Amino acid sequence: MRIIEKEGVEYKVHEYDGGALSGVEVAEALGEDVDRVYKTLVTTAGPGKFYVFVIPVVAELDLKKASKAAGEKAVEMLPQKQLLPTTGYIHGGCSPVGMKKLFPTFFDNSAEGKVIFVSAGKVGMQVELPCDVLLKITNGKLADIARGQ
């Protein structure tokens, strides 16, 4: 949230109870439409090559589309045990903002022009802000990366 505040943009913080819930359960706990709540997924294309993908909680990451967006032959999900040392975040509290390093970040096209929810960096907390702001903060790009929405 400190990084977002540095940008001087308005955002809202939302807290919920229930621990590490699925993304759909988080949307329900917040009383929000699942189409506005997004999850942050981290992939790897080999040693030292990490990519971040932000997709709706009701969707799955299409690894072929993600690979294409990243310009890689293939990407795979980062093993959960590597999430904390790589990003500084734990499973269920991974935010596209404020990782240990600024990795190439892609937001699903469905977020374009929307105000969305993403993790605030810890379980039980989400931030709500425009996708355009998130794109600026993360140096992110929009891409067709999700399926099953």
N, C-alpha and C. Protein backbone atom coordinates (compact mmCIF):
# COMPACT_ATOMS: atom_id res chain seq x y z
N MET A 1 0.83 -1.19 0.00
CA MET A 1 0.00 0.00 0.00
C MET A 1 0.87 1.26 0.00
N ARG A 2 2.07 1.14 0.59
CA ARG A 2 2.98 2.30 0.57
C ARG A 2 3.35 2.67 -0.86
N ILE A 3 3.55 1.66 -1.68
CA ILE A 3 3.91 1.90 -3.08
C ILE A 3 2.77 2.60 -3.80
N ILE A 4 1.54 2.17 -3.56
CA ILE A 4 0.38 2.80 -4.18
C ILE A 4 0.25 4.24 -3.69
N GLU A 5 0.47 4.45 -2.40
CA GLU A 5 0.37 5.80 -1.84
C GLU A 5 1.40 6.74 -2.45
N LYS A 6 2.59 6.22 -2.76
CA LYS A 6 3.63 7.04 -3.40
C LYS A 6 3.15 7.60 -4.73
N GLU A 7 2.29 6.85 -5.40
CA GLU A 7 1.75 7.29 -6.69
C GLU A 7 0.72 8.39 -6.53
N GLY A 8 0.26 8.62 -5.30
CA GLY A 8 -0.71 9.67 -5.05
C GLY A 8 -2.09 9.38 -5.62
N VAL A 9 -2.44 8.10 -5.72
CA VAL A 9 -3.74 7.73 -6.26
C VAL A 9 -4.65 7.24 -5.13
N GLU A 10 -5.93 7.37 -5.39
CA GLU A 10 -6.90 6.89 -4.42
C GLU A 10 -7.09 5.39 -4.58
N TYR A 11 -7.25 4.72 -3.46
CA TYR A 11 -7.54 3.30 -3.45
C TYR A 11 -8.31 3.00 -2.18
N LYS A 12 -8.94 1.86 -2.15
CA LYS A 12 -9.68 1.44 -0.97
C LYS A 12 -9.11 0.12 -0.48
N VAL A 13 -9.06 -0.03 0.83
CA VAL A 13 -8.61 -1.27 1.45
C VAL A 13 -9.84 -2.02 1.95
N HIS A 14 -9.87 -3.30 1.69
CA HIS A 14 -10.97 -4.15 2.14
C HIS A 14 -10.38 -5.33 2.91
N GLU A 15 -10.89 -5.57 4.11
CA GLU A 15 -10.44 -6.71 4.89
C GLU A 15 -11.56 -7.73 5.00
N TYR A 16 -11.17 -8.98 5.13
CA TYR A 16 -12.15 -10.05 5.27
C TYR A 16 -11.59 -11.10 6.22
N ASP A 17 -12.48 -11.88 6.80
CA ASP A 17 -12.08 -12.97 7.69
C ASP A 17 -12.10 -14.28 6.93
N GLY A 18 -11.40 -15.23 7.44
CA GLY A 18 -11.49 -16.56 6.85
C GLY A 18 -10.18 -17.15 6.41
N GLY A 19 -9.09 -16.46 6.61
CA GLY A 19 -7.79 -17.02 6.23
C GLY A 19 -7.60 -17.09 4.73
N ALA A 20 -6.80 -18.05 4.31
CA ALA A 20 -6.47 -18.19 2.89
C ALA A 20 -7.63 -18.89 2.18
N LEU A 21 -8.48 -18.11 1.60
CA LEU A 21 -9.65 -18.62 0.88
C LEU A 21 -9.36 -18.68 -0.60
N SER A 22 -10.20 -19.40 -1.33
CA SER A 22 -10.09 -19.35 -2.79
C SER A 22 -10.49 -17.95 -3.23
N GLY A 23 -10.13 -17.60 -4.46
CA GLY A 23 -10.48 -16.28 -4.96
C GLY A 23 -11.97 -16.03 -5.00
N VAL A 24 -12.74 -17.05 -5.35
CA VAL A 24 -14.19 -16.91 -5.39
C VAL A 24 -14.72 -16.67 -3.97
N GLU A 25 -14.17 -17.38 -2.99
CA GLU A 25 -14.57 -17.18 -1.60
C GLU A 25 -14.19 -15.79 -1.10
N VAL A 26 -13.06 -15.28 -1.56
CA VAL A 26 -12.67 -13.91 -1.20
C VAL A 26 -13.70 -12.93 -1.74
N ALA A 27 -14.09 -13.09 -3.00
CA ALA A 27 -15.10 -12.20 -3.60
C ALA A 27 -16.39 -12.26 -2.79
N GLU A 28 -16.81 -13.46 -2.41
CA GLU A 28 -18.02 -13.62 -1.61
C GLU A 28 -17.87 -12.96 -0.25
N ALA A 29 -16.71 -13.14 0.39
CA ALA A 29 -16.47 -12.54 1.70
C ALA A 29 -16.51 -11.01 1.64
N LEU A 30 -16.08 -10.47 0.49
CA LEU A 30 -16.10 -9.01 0.29
C LEU A 30 -17.46 -8.51 -0.19
N GLY A 31 -18.31 -9.44 -0.61
CA GLY A 31 -19.60 -9.05 -1.17
C GLY A 31 -19.44 -8.40 -2.53
N GLU A 32 -18.44 -8.83 -3.28
CA GLU A 32 -18.13 -8.23 -4.58
C GLU A 32 -18.34 -9.23 -5.71
N ASP A 33 -18.54 -8.70 -6.90
CA ASP A 33 -18.70 -9.49 -8.11
C ASP A 33 -17.37 -10.18 -8.42
N VAL A 34 -17.40 -11.48 -8.69
CA VAL A 34 -16.18 -12.23 -8.99
C VAL A 34 -15.46 -11.69 -10.23
N ASP A 35 -16.16 -10.96 -11.08
CA ASP A 35 -15.53 -10.40 -12.28
C ASP A 35 -14.63 -9.20 -11.97
N ARG A 36 -14.68 -8.72 -10.73
CA ARG A 36 -13.84 -7.58 -10.35
C ARG A 36 -12.70 -7.98 -9.42
N VAL A 37 -12.69 -9.24 -8.98
CA VAL A 37 -11.66 -9.71 -8.05
C VAL A 37 -10.66 -10.55 -8.84
N TYR A 38 -9.38 -10.19 -8.72
CA TYR A 38 -8.33 -10.82 -9.51
C TYR A 38 -7.30 -11.49 -8.60
N LYS A 39 -6.71 -12.56 -9.14
CA LYS A 39 -5.67 -13.27 -8.41
C LYS A 39 -4.34 -13.07 -9.12
N THR A 40 -3.28 -13.14 -8.34
CA THR A 40 -1.93 -12.94 -8.84
C THR A 40 -1.20 -14.27 -8.85
N LEU A 41 -0.72 -14.66 -10.02
CA LEU A 41 -0.03 -15.94 -10.19
C LEU A 41 1.39 -15.67 -10.68
N VAL A 42 2.32 -16.46 -10.17
CA VAL A 42 3.72 -16.29 -10.55
C VAL A 42 4.18 -17.55 -11.27
N THR A 43 4.86 -17.33 -12.39
CA THR A 43 5.35 -18.44 -13.20
C THR A 43 6.86 -18.31 -13.37
N THR A 44 7.43 -19.38 -13.91
CA THR A 44 8.85 -19.36 -14.23
C THR A 44 9.06 -19.96 -15.62
N ALA A 45 10.09 -19.48 -16.28
CA ALA A 45 10.47 -20.02 -17.58
C ALA A 45 11.90 -20.57 -17.50
N GLY A 46 12.32 -20.85 -16.28
CA GLY A 46 13.68 -21.36 -16.06
C GLY A 46 14.35 -20.55 -14.97
N PRO A 47 15.56 -20.93 -14.62
CA PRO A 47 16.27 -20.25 -13.53
C PRO A 47 16.35 -18.73 -13.73
N GLY A 48 15.86 -18.00 -12.76
CA GLY A 48 15.94 -16.54 -12.78
C GLY A 48 14.96 -15.86 -13.71
N LYS A 49 14.07 -16.60 -14.35
CA LYS A 49 13.10 -16.01 -15.27
C LYS A 49 11.70 -16.16 -14.68
N PHE A 50 11.18 -15.06 -14.13
CA PHE A 50 9.88 -15.08 -13.47
C PHE A 50 8.93 -14.10 -14.14
N TYR A 51 7.66 -14.48 -14.19
CA TYR A 51 6.62 -13.65 -14.79
C TYR A 51 5.40 -13.68 -13.88
N VAL A 52 4.72 -12.54 -13.81
CA VAL A 52 3.54 -12.38 -12.97
C VAL A 52 2.32 -12.20 -13.87
N PHE A 53 1.26 -12.93 -13.55
CA PHE A 53 0.02 -12.85 -14.32
C PHE A 53 -1.14 -12.59 -13.37
N VAL A 54 -1.98 -11.63 -13.73
CA VAL A 54 -3.12 -11.24 -12.89
C VAL A 54 -4.38 -11.52 -13.70
N ILE A 55 -5.20 -12.44 -13.17
CA ILE A 55 -6.40 -12.89 -13.90
C ILE A 55 -7.60 -12.92 -12.97
N PRO A 56 -8.80 -12.93 -13.52
CA PRO A 56 -10.00 -13.03 -12.68
C PRO A 56 -9.97 -14.31 -11.83
N VAL A 57 -10.51 -14.22 -10.62
CA VAL A 57 -10.49 -15.38 -9.72
C VAL A 57 -11.28 -16.56 -10.27
N VAL A 58 -12.22 -16.31 -11.16
CA VAL A 58 -13.03 -17.40 -11.72
C VAL A 58 -12.37 -18.04 -12.94
N ALA A 59 -11.22 -17.54 -13.35
CA ALA A 59 -10.55 -18.03 -14.55
C ALA A 59 -9.32 -18.85 -14.18
N GLU A 60 -8.77 -19.49 -15.18
CA GLU A 60 -7.50 -20.20 -15.06
C GLU A 60 -6.50 -19.53 -15.98
N LEU A 61 -5.23 -19.60 -15.59
CA LEU A 61 -4.18 -19.08 -16.45
C LEU A 61 -3.97 -20.06 -17.59
N ASP A 62 -4.05 -19.57 -18.81
CA ASP A 62 -3.76 -20.38 -19.99
C ASP A 62 -2.25 -20.28 -20.21
N LEU A 63 -1.53 -21.36 -19.89
CA LEU A 63 -0.07 -21.33 -19.94
C LEU A 63 0.47 -21.08 -21.35
N LYS A 64 -0.24 -21.55 -22.37
CA LYS A 64 0.21 -21.28 -23.74
C LYS A 64 0.11 -19.79 -24.05
N LYS A 65 -1.03 -19.18 -23.69
CA LYS A 65 -1.20 -17.74 -23.91
C LYS A 65 -0.22 -16.94 -23.06
N ALA A 66 0.01 -17.39 -21.82
CA ALA A 66 0.94 -16.70 -20.93
C ALA A 66 2.36 -16.75 -21.50
N SER A 67 2.74 -17.91 -22.02
CA SER A 67 4.07 -18.05 -22.63
C SER A 67 4.23 -17.09 -23.79
N LYS A 68 3.20 -17.02 -24.62
CA LYS A 68 3.24 -16.12 -25.77
C LYS A 68 3.36 -14.67 -25.32
N ALA A 69 2.57 -14.28 -24.31
CA ALA A 69 2.62 -12.90 -23.81
C ALA A 69 4.01 -12.56 -23.27
N ALA A 70 4.63 -13.53 -22.62
CA ALA A 70 5.96 -13.31 -22.03
C ALA A 70 7.09 -13.44 -23.04
N GLY A 71 6.76 -13.93 -24.24
CA GLY A 71 7.80 -14.13 -25.25
C GLY A 71 8.70 -15.30 -24.94
N GLU A 72 8.14 -16.30 -24.25
CA GLU A 72 8.89 -17.50 -23.87
C GLU A 72 8.34 -18.72 -24.60
N LYS A 73 9.18 -19.74 -24.75
CA LYS A 73 8.72 -20.98 -25.36
C LYS A 73 7.68 -21.64 -24.46
N ALA A 74 7.91 -21.58 -23.13
CA ALA A 74 6.97 -22.16 -22.17
C ALA A 74 7.18 -21.53 -20.80
N VAL A 75 6.09 -21.38 -20.05
CA VAL A 75 6.16 -20.99 -18.64
C VAL A 75 5.40 -22.04 -17.84
N GLU A 76 5.77 -22.18 -16.59
CA GLU A 76 5.04 -23.08 -15.70
C GLU A 76 4.85 -22.38 -14.36
N MET A 77 3.87 -22.85 -13.62
CA MET A 77 3.60 -22.25 -12.33
C MET A 77 4.80 -22.41 -11.41
N LEU A 78 5.11 -21.35 -10.67
CA LEU A 78 6.19 -21.40 -9.70
C LEU A 78 5.76 -22.31 -8.55
N PRO A 79 6.58 -23.27 -8.15
CA PRO A 79 6.21 -24.12 -7.01
C PRO A 79 5.95 -23.26 -5.77
N GLN A 80 4.92 -23.63 -5.01
CA GLN A 80 4.50 -22.84 -3.86
C GLN A 80 5.64 -22.57 -2.88
N LYS A 81 6.53 -23.54 -2.69
CA LYS A 81 7.62 -23.36 -1.73
C LYS A 81 8.61 -22.28 -2.18
N GLN A 82 8.59 -21.93 -3.47
CA GLN A 82 9.49 -20.89 -3.98
C GLN A 82 8.84 -19.51 -4.00
N LEU A 83 7.55 -19.44 -3.69
CA LEU A 83 6.83 -18.17 -3.77
C LEU A 83 7.39 -17.13 -2.80
N LEU A 84 7.50 -17.47 -1.53
CA LEU A 84 7.99 -16.52 -0.54
C LEU A 84 9.42 -16.06 -0.82
N PRO A 85 10.37 -16.97 -1.05
CA PRO A 85 11.72 -16.49 -1.32
C PRO A 85 11.85 -15.67 -2.61
N THR A 86 10.99 -15.96 -3.58
CA THR A 86 11.08 -15.26 -4.88
C THR A 86 10.39 -13.90 -4.82
N THR A 87 9.20 -13.85 -4.22
CA THR A 87 8.38 -12.63 -4.28
C THR A 87 8.31 -11.85 -2.97
N GLY A 88 8.50 -12.54 -1.85
CA GLY A 88 8.30 -11.91 -0.54
C GLY A 88 6.88 -12.08 -0.03
N TYR A 89 6.06 -12.78 -0.80
CA TYR A 89 4.66 -13.00 -0.44
C TYR A 89 4.38 -14.48 -0.23
N ILE A 90 3.34 -14.75 0.60
CA ILE A 90 2.92 -16.13 0.81
C ILE A 90 1.70 -16.43 -0.06
N HIS A 91 1.43 -17.71 -0.24
CA HIS A 91 0.26 -18.14 -0.99
C HIS A 91 -1.00 -17.57 -0.33
N GLY A 92 -1.86 -16.96 -1.14
CA GLY A 92 -3.08 -16.35 -0.62
C GLY A 92 -2.91 -14.88 -0.30
N GLY A 93 -1.69 -14.39 -0.35
CA GLY A 93 -1.44 -12.98 -0.05
C GLY A 93 -0.48 -12.36 -1.05
N CYS A 94 -0.43 -12.93 -2.24
CA CYS A 94 0.50 -12.46 -3.26
C CYS A 94 -0.12 -11.29 -4.04
N SER A 95 0.56 -10.18 -4.04
CA SER A 95 0.10 -8.98 -4.74
C SER A 95 1.00 -8.70 -5.94
N PRO A 96 0.45 -8.13 -7.01
CA PRO A 96 1.31 -7.76 -8.14
C PRO A 96 2.18 -6.54 -7.81
N VAL A 97 1.86 -5.87 -6.72
CA VAL A 97 2.60 -4.66 -6.31
C VAL A 97 3.52 -5.00 -5.14
N GLY A 98 4.77 -4.57 -5.22
CA GLY A 98 5.66 -4.67 -4.08
C GLY A 98 6.42 -5.97 -3.92
N MET A 99 6.58 -6.73 -4.98
CA MET A 99 7.39 -7.94 -4.89
C MET A 99 8.84 -7.55 -4.67
N LYS A 100 9.65 -8.52 -4.28
CA LYS A 100 11.07 -8.26 -4.03
C LYS A 100 11.74 -7.60 -5.22
N LYS A 101 11.34 -8.03 -6.42
CA LYS A 101 11.84 -7.45 -7.66
C LYS A 101 10.64 -7.14 -8.54
N LEU A 102 10.82 -6.24 -9.46
CA LEU A 102 9.76 -5.91 -10.42
C LEU A 102 9.87 -6.88 -11.60
N PHE A 103 9.04 -7.92 -11.55
CA PHE A 103 9.04 -8.92 -12.62
C PHE A 103 8.10 -8.47 -13.74
N PRO A 104 8.32 -8.94 -14.96
CA PRO A 104 7.37 -8.64 -16.03
C PRO A 104 5.97 -9.08 -15.59
N THR A 105 5.01 -8.17 -15.70
CA THR A 105 3.67 -8.40 -15.18
C THR A 105 2.64 -8.19 -16.28
N PHE A 106 1.68 -9.11 -16.34
CA PHE A 106 0.63 -9.08 -17.35
C PHE A 106 -0.73 -9.19 -16.68
N PHE A 107 -1.64 -8.30 -17.07
CA PHE A 107 -3.02 -8.32 -16.58
C PHE A 107 -3.91 -8.83 -17.71
N ASP A 108 -4.84 -9.68 -17.37
CA ASP A 108 -5.77 -10.17 -18.39
C ASP A 108 -6.52 -8.99 -19.00
N ASN A 109 -6.77 -9.09 -20.30
CA ASN A 109 -7.50 -8.03 -21.02
C ASN A 109 -8.83 -7.66 -20.35
N SER A 110 -9.43 -8.60 -19.64
CA SER A 110 -10.73 -8.34 -19.02
C SER A 110 -10.66 -7.25 -17.96
N ALA A 111 -9.47 -6.90 -17.48
CA ALA A 111 -9.31 -5.86 -16.46
C ALA A 111 -9.27 -4.46 -17.05
N GLU A 112 -9.10 -4.38 -18.36
CA GLU A 112 -8.94 -3.07 -19.01
C GLU A 112 -10.11 -2.15 -18.70
N GLY A 113 -9.77 -0.96 -18.20
CA GLY A 113 -10.77 0.07 -17.92
C GLY A 113 -11.59 -0.16 -16.66
N LYS A 114 -11.30 -1.22 -15.93
CA LYS A 114 -12.07 -1.56 -14.72
C LYS A 114 -11.37 -1.10 -13.45
N VAL A 115 -12.17 -0.95 -12.41
CA VAL A 115 -11.65 -0.84 -11.05
C VAL A 115 -11.70 -2.26 -10.50
N ILE A 116 -10.55 -2.80 -10.10
CA ILE A 116 -10.47 -4.19 -9.69
C ILE A 116 -9.91 -4.33 -8.28
N PHE A 117 -10.04 -5.54 -7.75
CA PHE A 117 -9.49 -5.89 -6.46
C PHE A 117 -8.30 -6.82 -6.68
N VAL A 118 -7.20 -6.57 -5.97
CA VAL A 118 -6.07 -7.49 -5.93
C VAL A 118 -5.61 -7.58 -4.48
N SER A 119 -4.83 -8.59 -4.18
CA SER A 119 -4.32 -8.74 -2.82
C SER A 119 -3.52 -7.51 -2.41
N ALA A 120 -3.65 -7.16 -1.14
CA ALA A 120 -2.89 -6.04 -0.59
C ALA A 120 -1.54 -6.52 -0.05
N GLY A 121 -1.23 -7.80 -0.25
CA GLY A 121 0.06 -8.31 0.17
C GLY A 121 0.00 -9.17 1.42
N LYS A 122 -1.20 -9.38 1.93
CA LYS A 122 -1.34 -10.32 3.04
C LYS A 122 -2.72 -10.94 3.01
N VAL A 123 -2.81 -12.13 3.54
CA VAL A 123 -4.07 -12.84 3.58
C VAL A 123 -5.07 -12.03 4.40
N GLY A 124 -6.28 -11.90 3.86
CA GLY A 124 -7.32 -11.16 4.57
C GLY A 124 -7.43 -9.70 4.20
N MET A 125 -6.66 -9.27 3.21
CA MET A 125 -6.70 -7.87 2.82
C MET A 125 -6.58 -7.71 1.31
N GLN A 126 -7.47 -6.90 0.75
CA GLN A 126 -7.47 -6.60 -0.68
C GLN A 126 -7.45 -5.09 -0.88
N VAL A 127 -6.91 -4.65 -2.01
CA VAL A 127 -7.00 -3.24 -2.39
C VAL A 127 -7.84 -3.15 -3.65
N GLU A 128 -8.59 -2.06 -3.74
CA GLU A 128 -9.46 -1.80 -4.88
C GLU A 128 -8.96 -0.54 -5.55
N LEU A 129 -8.60 -0.65 -6.83
CA LEU A 129 -8.13 0.51 -7.57
C LEU A 129 -8.21 0.24 -9.07
N PRO A 130 -8.10 1.31 -9.86
CA PRO A 130 -8.21 1.13 -11.31
C PRO A 130 -7.06 0.29 -11.88
N CYS A 131 -7.39 -0.54 -12.83
CA CYS A 131 -6.38 -1.34 -13.51
C CYS A 131 -5.30 -0.45 -14.11
N ASP A 132 -5.69 0.70 -14.64
CA ASP A 132 -4.70 1.61 -15.24
C ASP A 132 -3.60 1.99 -14.25
N VAL A 133 -3.98 2.18 -12.99
CA VAL A 133 -3.01 2.51 -11.95
C VAL A 133 -2.09 1.31 -11.70
N LEU A 134 -2.67 0.14 -11.63
CA LEU A 134 -1.86 -1.07 -11.42
C LEU A 134 -0.89 -1.29 -12.58
N LEU A 135 -1.34 -1.03 -13.79
CA LEU A 135 -0.46 -1.17 -14.95
C LEU A 135 0.74 -0.22 -14.82
N LYS A 136 0.47 1.00 -14.38
CA LYS A 136 1.54 1.98 -14.23
C LYS A 136 2.52 1.57 -13.13
N ILE A 137 2.00 1.19 -11.97
CA ILE A 137 2.84 0.84 -10.83
C ILE A 137 3.72 -0.38 -11.12
N THR A 138 3.16 -1.37 -11.81
CA THR A 138 3.89 -2.62 -12.07
C THR A 138 4.62 -2.61 -13.40
N ASN A 139 4.46 -1.54 -14.16
CA ASN A 139 4.98 -1.49 -15.53
C ASN A 139 4.38 -2.65 -16.33
N GLY A 140 3.10 -2.94 -16.01
CA GLY A 140 2.42 -4.08 -16.59
C GLY A 140 1.87 -3.85 -17.98
N LYS A 141 1.43 -4.96 -18.56
CA LYS A 141 0.84 -4.94 -19.90
C LYS A 141 -0.46 -5.73 -19.87
N LEU A 142 -1.36 -5.39 -20.74
CA LEU A 142 -2.58 -6.16 -20.91
C LEU A 142 -2.32 -7.26 -21.93
N ALA A 143 -2.93 -8.43 -21.70
CA ALA A 143 -2.75 -9.55 -22.62
C ALA A 143 -3.91 -10.53 -22.47
N ASP A 144 -4.12 -11.31 -23.49
CA ASP A 144 -5.12 -12.37 -23.47
C ASP A 144 -4.45 -13.59 -22.84
N ILE A 145 -4.68 -13.81 -21.53
CA ILE A 145 -3.95 -14.85 -20.80
C ILE A 145 -4.84 -15.81 -20.00
N ALA A 146 -6.15 -15.54 -19.92
CA ALA A 146 -7.01 -16.36 -19.08
C ALA A 146 -7.96 -17.18 -19.93
N ARG A 147 -8.47 -18.24 -19.29
CA ARG A 147 -9.51 -19.04 -19.92
C ARG A 147 -10.53 -19.43 -18.85
N GLY A 148 -11.74 -19.70 -19.31
CA GLY A 148 -12.77 -20.16 -18.40
C GLY A 148 -13.48 -19.08 -17.61
N GLN A 149 -13.51 -17.88 -18.17
CA GLN A 149 -14.16 -16.76 -17.47
C GLN A 149 -15.65 -16.79 -17.68
